[in-house]
Amino acid sequence: MANGPRIALVAGEVSGDILGGDLLRVLRLRYPNARFEGIGGSEMLAAGLEPLADMEQLSVMGLVEVLGRLPQLVLLRRRIGTGWLADPPDLFVGIDAPDFNLGLERRLRAGGIPTAHYVSPSVWAWRRGRVRKIARSVDLMLTLFPFEAKFYAESGVPVAFVGHPLADNIPMFPDPLAARRALDLEGGRTVLAVLPGSRAGEVERLAPVFLEAVARLVAMHPRLQVVIPCATASLHARLSALVQSSTSPPIRVVLGESRTAMAAANVVLVASGTATLEALLLKRPMVVAYAVSPWTYRILSRLVHSEFVALPNLLAERGLVPELLQHDATPEKLAEAVNALLVDENKRTEQTHAFEAIHRALARDAGRAAADALGELLRDPA
């Protein structure tokens, strides 16, 4: 590494590309002569990655789509793995995309190349047996959350908790009045943000239930303002149609602006997922709900080992926010849980104080912390 390390990386989707871009920029400052090569998107390319393949080849969603592309993905992984074994880099970093990266990491590590994996698969929740394969695949696991690091440490896998980039980017004390002005909401009235998911299947299952709960809540709080942010134009059209055909009161349906809508809200009703982490970092009291198909639920209920599903509860290690899952995700129970937060300041304060403490724990400058941890693997033995 006399002229700087050569680092290979693979990211498989946009979220991984954002993490990779941040990491590469920090590593570039520390190792000005470093070379970066592999697979990434626009963020990693802008940070200096030399592409060996298009990231779009890895960005496949859905079982049928993955099966259709499986031969191509296997050939791609074999090709780049063979190339790196013939001309070894100083380090390989797989960023998320565990189905692609863990097998590649295992092969490279067996060939003597140090490997790290950035963003833990959910082995702590289900399929815990995978941790043995991970232990054979990586020299270091980089986790976004402390409970993940605890699980790996207890399983004997070298691990570093680096924090979450959202905690670095979201201000500790957002301005709800500015968010309300941005959405043209009245500053003096109570606001409820409703987020029934970012995928079409989630919206089809959850939105009708959420809208019935909203109707009950507006009957209790006639001046309640309700806003539903939508991730895509197609979801905006679908939710607008559902709102118009429902018995719900007037609801503002907006394209994008999910973070602004949550920042503007007194309380958030949200589907379990990444949005719950954003609501936590915005210090918004929340009720979390989720439902899947009956068959999926039967399977998952036997596989999942975690007491909680919602990220805020996993991070708090207790039932901090209400979780209404599957059969409990009814309009009556959702309305009751949201109303309890609307009328009880102590309940809201309990959540927001805990959220602030969690935010401070997660804000570790993730790119710098990851680079620090990887620096241990890059130490030149000479």
Protein backbone atom coordinates (compact mmCIF):
# COMPACT_ATOMS: atom_id res chain seq x y z
CA MET A 1 0.00 0.00 0.00
CA ALA A 2 2.98 2.32 -0.55
CA ASN A 3 0.96 4.46 -2.95
CA GLY A 4 -2.30 4.17 -1.05
CA PRO A 5 -4.69 1.25 -0.55
CA ARG A 6 -6.79 -0.34 -3.27
CA ILE A 7 -10.29 -0.89 -1.90
CA ALA A 8 -13.02 -2.93 -3.59
CA LEU A 9 -16.67 -2.22 -2.78
CA VAL A 10 -20.11 -3.43 -3.87
CA ALA A 11 -23.40 -1.65 -3.17
CA GLY A 12 -26.63 -3.09 -4.52
CA GLU A 13 -29.22 -0.33 -4.18
CA VAL A 14 -29.67 3.41 -3.67
CA SER A 15 -29.52 3.35 0.14
CA GLY A 16 -26.23 1.43 0.03
CA ASP A 17 -24.87 3.80 -2.61
CA ILE A 18 -25.54 6.77 -0.30
CA LEU A 19 -23.68 5.07 2.54
CA GLY A 20 -20.87 4.11 0.18
CA GLY A 21 -20.52 7.63 -1.20
CA ASP A 22 -20.18 9.05 2.31
CA LEU A 23 -17.63 6.38 3.24
CA LEU A 24 -15.55 6.91 0.10
CA ARG A 25 -15.35 10.66 0.66
CA VAL A 26 -13.96 10.13 4.17
CA LEU A 27 -11.53 7.43 3.01
CA ARG A 28 -10.35 9.70 0.18
CA LEU A 29 -9.39 12.36 2.72
CA ARG A 30 -7.44 9.82 4.77
CA TYR A 31 -5.84 8.04 1.84
CA PRO A 32 -5.46 10.64 -0.96
CA ASN A 33 -3.81 8.08 -3.26
CA ALA A 34 -6.34 5.32 -2.64
CA ARG A 35 -8.05 3.53 -5.51
CA PHE A 36 -11.69 2.47 -5.26
CA GLU A 37 -13.26 -0.04 -7.63
CA GLY A 38 -16.37 -2.19 -7.76
CA ILE A 39 -20.12 -1.64 -8.10
CA GLY A 40 -22.02 1.42 -6.94
CA GLY A 41 -24.38 4.17 -8.00
CA SER A 42 -24.12 7.89 -8.64
CA GLU A 43 -22.93 8.79 -5.12
CA MET A 44 -20.06 6.30 -5.13
CA LEU A 45 -19.12 7.15 -8.70
CA ALA A 46 -19.00 10.85 -7.83
CA ALA A 47 -16.72 9.98 -4.89
CA GLY A 48 -14.23 8.27 -7.21
CA LEU A 49 -15.37 4.65 -7.62
CA GLU A 50 -14.07 2.93 -10.77
CA PRO A 51 -17.10 0.89 -11.92
CA LEU A 52 -16.76 -2.76 -12.82
CA ALA A 53 -20.49 -3.22 -13.49
CA ASP A 54 -23.75 -1.24 -13.40
CA MET A 55 -25.46 -1.20 -9.99
CA GLU A 56 -28.81 -1.60 -11.78
CA GLN A 57 -27.86 -5.24 -12.36
CA LEU A 58 -28.10 -5.83 -8.59
CA SER A 59 -31.16 -3.68 -7.86
CA VAL A 60 -33.76 -6.41 -8.27
CA MET A 61 -36.89 -6.53 -6.07
CA GLY A 62 -39.37 -9.40 -5.76
CA LEU A 63 -38.96 -13.18 -5.72
CA VAL A 64 -39.94 -13.75 -9.37
CA GLU A 65 -37.67 -10.96 -10.59
CA VAL A 66 -34.72 -12.28 -8.58
CA LEU A 67 -35.24 -15.83 -9.90
CA GLY A 68 -35.36 -14.51 -13.45
CA ARG A 69 -32.08 -12.65 -13.00
CA LEU A 70 -30.36 -15.25 -10.82
CA PRO A 71 -28.08 -16.75 -13.53
CA GLN A 72 -26.90 -13.25 -14.48
CA LEU A 73 -26.25 -12.32 -10.84
CA VAL A 74 -24.33 -15.54 -10.19
CA LEU A 75 -22.15 -14.96 -13.26
CA LEU A 76 -21.50 -11.36 -12.23
CA ARG A 77 -20.49 -12.35 -8.71
CA ARG A 78 -18.24 -15.11 -10.04
CA ARG A 79 -16.60 -12.78 -12.57
CA ILE A 80 -15.71 -9.97 -10.20
CA GLY A 81 -14.69 -12.43 -7.46
CA THR A 82 -12.32 -14.24 -9.85
CA GLY A 83 -10.85 -10.91 -10.93
CA TRP A 84 -10.16 -9.79 -7.38
CA LEU A 85 -8.67 -13.15 -6.38
CA ALA A 86 -6.30 -12.92 -9.35
CA ASP A 87 -5.36 -9.33 -8.46
CA PRO A 88 -6.23 -8.91 -4.77
CA PRO A 89 -7.33 -5.55 -3.38
CA ASP A 90 -6.19 -4.52 0.11
CA LEU A 91 -9.79 -4.66 1.39
CA PHE A 92 -13.28 -5.58 0.23
CA VAL A 93 -16.36 -3.83 1.66
CA GLY A 94 -19.82 -5.19 0.89
CA ILE A 95 -22.49 -2.57 1.52
CA ASP A 96 -25.87 -4.11 2.38
CA ALA A 97 -27.16 -6.45 -0.45
CA PRO A 98 -26.41 -9.50 1.75
CA ASP A 99 -27.69 -12.13 -0.71
CA PHE A 100 -25.06 -10.97 -3.19
CA ASN A 101 -22.28 -9.74 -0.93
CA LEU A 102 -22.00 -12.38 1.80
CA GLY A 103 -21.20 -15.16 -0.67
CA LEU A 104 -18.68 -12.92 -2.41
CA GLU A 105 -17.13 -11.97 0.92
CA ARG A 106 -16.81 -15.60 1.94
CA ARG A 107 -14.97 -16.45 -1.28
CA LEU A 108 -12.65 -13.44 -1.08
CA ARG A 109 -11.85 -13.98 2.59
CA ALA A 110 -10.99 -17.63 1.91
CA GLY A 111 -8.55 -16.27 -0.68
CA GLY A 112 -6.81 -14.10 1.90
CA ILE A 113 -8.51 -10.75 1.21
CA PRO A 114 -9.72 -8.83 4.30
CA THR A 115 -13.49 -8.31 4.14
CA ALA A 116 -16.03 -6.09 5.89
CA HIS A 117 -19.79 -5.85 5.60
CA TYR A 118 -21.58 -2.51 6.11
CA VAL A 119 -25.25 -2.73 7.27
CA SER A 120 -26.23 -5.88 9.09
CA PRO A 121 -28.79 -8.33 7.71
CA SER A 122 -31.65 -8.88 10.16
CA VAL A 123 -30.13 -12.05 11.60
CA TRP A 124 -30.91 -10.84 15.13
CA ALA A 125 -34.63 -11.09 14.27
CA TRP A 126 -34.90 -14.23 12.18
CA ARG A 127 -32.77 -16.96 10.56
CA ARG A 128 -30.22 -16.58 13.33
CA GLY A 129 -28.30 -19.53 12.00
CA ARG A 130 -26.96 -17.24 9.28
CA VAL A 131 -24.59 -15.69 11.81
CA ARG A 132 -22.32 -18.73 11.43
CA LYS A 133 -22.02 -18.06 7.69
CA ILE A 134 -21.42 -14.39 8.38
CA ALA A 135 -18.62 -15.29 10.80
CA ARG A 136 -16.93 -17.23 7.96
CA SER A 137 -17.49 -14.36 5.52
CA VAL A 138 -16.31 -11.19 7.24
CA ASP A 139 -13.41 -9.91 9.25
CA LEU A 140 -15.58 -7.05 10.47
CA MET A 141 -19.30 -6.24 10.59
CA LEU A 142 -20.27 -2.55 10.60
CA THR A 143 -23.70 -1.97 12.15
CA LEU A 144 -26.03 1.03 12.15
CA PHE A 145 -27.68 0.17 15.47
CA PRO A 146 -26.24 -0.76 18.88
CA PHE A 147 -28.54 -3.76 19.45
CA GLU A 148 -27.10 -5.30 16.26
CA ALA A 149 -23.54 -4.83 17.53
CA LYS A 150 -24.49 -6.48 20.81
CA PHE A 151 -25.86 -9.51 18.95
CA TYR A 152 -22.69 -9.96 16.87
CA ALA A 153 -20.39 -9.48 19.84
CA GLU A 154 -22.31 -12.18 21.73
CA SER A 155 -22.01 -14.42 18.65
CA GLY A 156 -18.23 -13.96 18.41
CA VAL A 157 -18.24 -11.89 15.21
CA PRO A 158 -15.88 -8.85 15.16
CA VAL A 159 -18.16 -5.80 15.02
CA ALA A 160 -18.16 -2.02 15.13
CA PHE A 161 -21.25 0.12 15.76
CA VAL A 162 -20.85 3.19 13.54
CA GLY A 163 -24.20 4.93 14.00
CA HIS A 164 -26.85 5.85 11.46
CA PRO A 165 -26.35 8.57 8.81
CA LEU A 166 -29.94 9.76 9.25
CA ALA A 167 -29.06 10.67 12.83
CA ASP A 168 -26.20 12.78 11.51
CA ASN A 169 -28.36 14.54 8.93
CA ILE A 170 -31.61 15.23 10.83
CA PRO A 171 -31.34 18.16 13.28
CA MET A 172 -31.73 17.39 16.95
CA PHE A 173 -34.56 19.91 17.28
CA PRO A 174 -36.58 20.30 14.04
CA ASP A 175 -38.91 23.28 13.55
CA PRO A 176 -42.55 22.06 13.36
CA LEU A 177 -43.93 25.52 12.56
CA ALA A 178 -41.61 25.86 9.57
CA ALA A 179 -42.74 22.41 8.40
CA ARG A 180 -46.39 23.44 8.72
CA ARG A 181 -45.77 26.60 6.72
CA ALA A 182 -44.07 24.52 4.01
CA LEU A 183 -47.19 22.34 3.75
CA ASP A 184 -49.64 25.26 4.10
CA LEU A 185 -51.05 23.85 7.35
CA GLU A 186 -52.47 26.02 10.12
CA GLY A 187 -49.87 26.51 12.82
CA GLY A 188 -52.31 26.55 15.74
CA ARG A 189 -54.21 23.36 14.96
CA THR A 190 -53.25 19.78 15.83
CA VAL A 191 -51.68 17.83 12.95
CA LEU A 192 -51.72 14.07 12.40
CA ALA A 193 -49.31 12.63 9.81
CA VAL A 194 -50.40 9.28 8.35
CA LEU A 195 -47.88 7.05 6.56
CA PRO A 196 -49.37 3.71 5.45
CA GLY A 197 -46.18 2.49 3.74
CA SER A 198 -43.99 3.14 0.73
CA ARG A 199 -44.82 0.01 -1.28
CA ALA A 200 -48.02 -0.66 -3.20
CA GLY A 201 -48.80 -3.85 -1.26
CA GLU A 202 -48.42 -2.11 2.09
CA VAL A 203 -50.71 0.72 1.01
CA GLU A 204 -53.40 -1.66 -0.25
CA ARG A 205 -53.44 -3.50 3.10
CA LEU A 206 -52.97 -0.61 5.51
CA ALA A 207 -54.41 2.55 3.95
CA PRO A 208 -58.11 1.58 4.24
CA VAL A 209 -57.61 0.67 7.90
CA PHE A 210 -55.66 3.87 8.57
CA LEU A 211 -58.36 5.97 6.88
CA GLU A 212 -61.09 4.41 9.00
CA ALA A 213 -59.04 5.20 12.09
CA VAL A 214 -58.63 8.79 10.88
CA ALA A 215 -62.40 9.17 10.49
CA ARG A 216 -62.84 8.07 14.11
CA LEU A 217 -60.15 10.47 15.28
CA VAL A 218 -61.64 13.47 13.46
CA ALA A 219 -65.00 12.69 15.05
CA MET A 220 -63.23 13.05 18.40
CA HIS A 221 -61.09 16.03 17.33
CA PRO A 222 -63.04 18.02 14.69
CA ARG A 223 -60.21 20.53 14.13
CA LEU A 224 -57.61 17.82 13.49
CA GLN A 225 -55.51 18.41 10.35
CA VAL A 226 -54.47 15.22 8.56
CA VAL A 227 -51.68 14.95 5.99
CA ILE A 228 -50.59 11.84 4.06
CA PRO A 229 -47.22 12.04 2.25
CA CYS A 230 -46.65 9.66 -0.68
CA ALA A 231 -43.28 8.41 -1.86
CA THR A 232 -44.18 8.13 -5.57
CA ALA A 233 -46.63 9.58 -8.08
CA SER A 234 -48.38 6.23 -8.44
CA LEU A 235 -48.92 5.97 -4.67
CA HIS A 236 -50.12 9.58 -4.62
CA ALA A 237 -52.74 8.74 -7.24
CA ARG A 238 -53.80 5.58 -5.41
CA LEU A 239 -54.07 7.23 -2.00
CA SER A 240 -55.90 10.24 -3.42
CA ALA A 241 -58.45 7.84 -4.92
CA LEU A 242 -58.80 5.96 -1.63
CA VAL A 243 -59.33 9.20 0.27
CA GLN A 244 -61.98 10.40 -2.19
CA SER A 245 -63.88 7.11 -2.05
CA SER A 246 -63.72 6.75 1.73
CA THR A 247 -65.87 8.26 4.44
CA SER A 248 -62.84 10.02 5.86
CA PRO A 249 -62.89 13.80 6.36
CA PRO A 250 -60.81 16.12 4.13
CA ILE A 251 -57.19 14.94 4.11
CA ARG A 252 -54.17 16.57 2.54
CA VAL A 253 -52.40 14.05 0.27
CA VAL A 254 -48.97 15.31 -0.82
CA LEU A 255 -46.31 13.95 -3.15
CA GLY A 256 -43.03 13.38 -1.33
CA GLU A 257 -42.45 15.56 1.73
CA SER A 258 -42.65 12.64 4.17
CA ARG A 259 -40.04 14.12 6.49
CA THR A 260 -41.70 17.54 6.36
CA ALA A 261 -45.11 16.00 7.09
CA MET A 262 -43.76 14.14 10.11
CA ALA A 263 -41.91 17.21 11.37
CA ALA A 264 -45.18 19.18 11.16
CA ALA A 265 -47.18 16.60 13.12
CA ASN A 266 -48.14 16.40 16.77
CA VAL A 267 -48.53 12.63 16.35
CA VAL A 268 -47.63 10.18 13.57
CA LEU A 269 -49.52 7.02 12.57
CA VAL A 270 -46.97 5.02 10.60
CA ALA A 271 -46.35 1.63 9.05
CA SER A 272 -43.40 -0.23 10.52
CA GLY A 273 -40.22 0.46 8.58
CA THR A 274 -37.57 3.12 8.02
CA ALA A 275 -40.16 5.89 8.43
CA THR A 276 -40.40 5.01 12.13
CA LEU A 277 -36.70 5.84 12.50
CA GLU A 278 -37.24 9.19 10.79
CA ALA A 279 -40.19 9.94 13.07
CA LEU A 280 -38.03 9.08 16.08
CA LEU A 281 -35.21 11.36 14.93
CA LEU A 282 -37.75 14.13 14.33
CA LYS A 283 -38.98 13.58 17.94
CA ARG A 284 -42.55 12.92 16.83
CA PRO A 285 -44.73 10.73 19.10
CA MET A 286 -46.01 7.77 17.10
CA VAL A 287 -48.19 4.71 16.83
CA VAL A 288 -46.76 1.92 14.66
CA ALA A 289 -48.86 -0.63 12.78
CA TYR A 290 -48.26 -3.37 10.25
CA ALA A 291 -50.02 -6.30 8.59
CA VAL A 292 -49.02 -8.93 6.06
CA SER A 293 -50.93 -11.70 4.30
CA PRO A 294 -52.21 -14.47 6.60
CA TRP A 295 -49.81 -17.05 5.15
CA THR A 296 -46.81 -14.73 5.45
CA TYR A 297 -47.79 -13.97 9.04
CA ARG A 298 -47.98 -17.67 9.90
CA ILE A 299 -44.48 -18.22 8.55
CA LEU A 300 -42.92 -15.11 10.09
CA SER A 301 -44.50 -15.68 13.49
CA ARG A 302 -42.58 -18.96 13.69
CA LEU A 303 -39.29 -17.53 12.42
CA VAL A 304 -39.02 -14.14 14.13
CA HIS A 305 -37.24 -14.21 17.48
CA SER A 306 -37.47 -10.52 18.37
CA GLU A 307 -39.88 -9.29 21.05
CA PHE A 308 -40.47 -6.07 19.09
CA VAL A 309 -40.88 -5.12 15.44
CA ALA A 310 -40.80 -1.31 15.48
CA LEU A 311 -37.31 0.20 15.35
CA PRO A 312 -38.01 2.68 18.17
CA ASN A 313 -38.82 -0.23 20.51
CA LEU A 314 -35.80 -2.23 19.38
CA LEU A 315 -33.59 0.78 20.04
CA ALA A 316 -35.22 1.57 23.39
CA GLU A 317 -35.19 -2.14 24.32
CA ARG A 318 -38.72 -1.76 25.69
CA GLY A 319 -42.26 -1.13 24.50
CA LEU A 320 -41.82 2.63 24.12
CA VAL A 321 -44.28 3.13 21.24
CA PRO A 322 -47.53 1.21 20.64
CA GLU A 323 -47.13 -1.64 18.12
CA LEU A 324 -50.39 -2.81 16.57
CA LEU A 325 -49.61 -5.76 14.35
CA GLN A 326 -51.70 -8.03 12.15
CA HIS A 327 -55.03 -8.76 13.95
CA ASP A 328 -54.48 -5.84 16.33
CA ALA A 329 -54.17 -3.37 13.46
CA THR A 330 -57.86 -2.44 13.46
CA PRO A 331 -59.40 1.02 13.02
CA GLU A 332 -60.73 0.95 16.57
CA LYS A 333 -57.39 0.08 18.19
CA LEU A 334 -55.41 2.46 15.99
CA ALA A 335 -57.74 5.35 16.79
CA GLU A 336 -57.61 4.52 20.50
CA ALA A 337 -53.79 4.46 20.54
CA VAL A 338 -53.43 7.69 18.56
CA ASN A 339 -56.06 9.44 20.66
CA ALA A 340 -54.19 8.47 23.84
CA LEU A 341 -51.16 10.36 22.52
CA LEU A 342 -53.21 13.34 21.35
CA VAL A 343 -54.82 13.89 24.74
CA ASP A 344 -51.99 12.88 27.11
CA GLU A 345 -48.97 15.18 27.13
CA ASN A 346 -47.12 12.86 29.52
CA LYS A 347 -47.33 10.00 27.02
CA ARG A 348 -45.98 12.25 24.27
CA THR A 349 -43.18 13.54 26.50
CA GLU A 350 -42.13 10.03 27.52
CA GLN A 351 -41.61 9.14 23.87
CA THR A 352 -39.88 12.36 22.82
CA HIS A 353 -37.42 12.35 25.74
CA ALA A 354 -36.45 8.77 24.90
CA PHE A 355 -36.19 9.66 21.20
CA GLU A 356 -33.73 12.45 21.99
CA ALA A 357 -31.47 10.09 23.95
CA ILE A 358 -31.56 7.53 21.12
CA HIS A 359 -30.80 10.23 18.53
CA ARG A 360 -27.69 11.28 20.46
CA ALA A 361 -26.55 7.65 20.66
CA LEU A 362 -27.00 7.11 16.90
CA ALA A 363 -25.35 10.38 15.79
CA ARG A 364 -21.74 9.21 15.54
CA ASP A 365 -20.74 10.62 12.12
CA ALA A 366 -21.28 7.25 10.45
CA GLY A 367 -18.91 7.76 7.53
CA ARG A 368 -16.04 8.75 9.80
CA ALA A 369 -16.79 5.97 12.30
CA ALA A 370 -16.90 3.38 9.50
CA ALA A 371 -13.61 4.67 8.08
CA ASP A 372 -12.04 4.45 11.57
CA ALA A 373 -13.08 0.83 11.89
CA LEU A 374 -11.92 -0.08 8.38
CA GLY A 375 -8.59 1.60 9.06
CA GLU A 376 -7.80 -1.25 11.45
CA LEU A 377 -8.12 -3.72 8.54
CA LEU A 378 -6.01 -1.48 6.29
CA ARG A 379 -3.00 -1.22 8.55
CA ASP A 380 0.11 -1.99 6.54
CA PRO A 381 2.01 -4.77 8.38
CA ALA A 382 5.26 -3.28 7.10
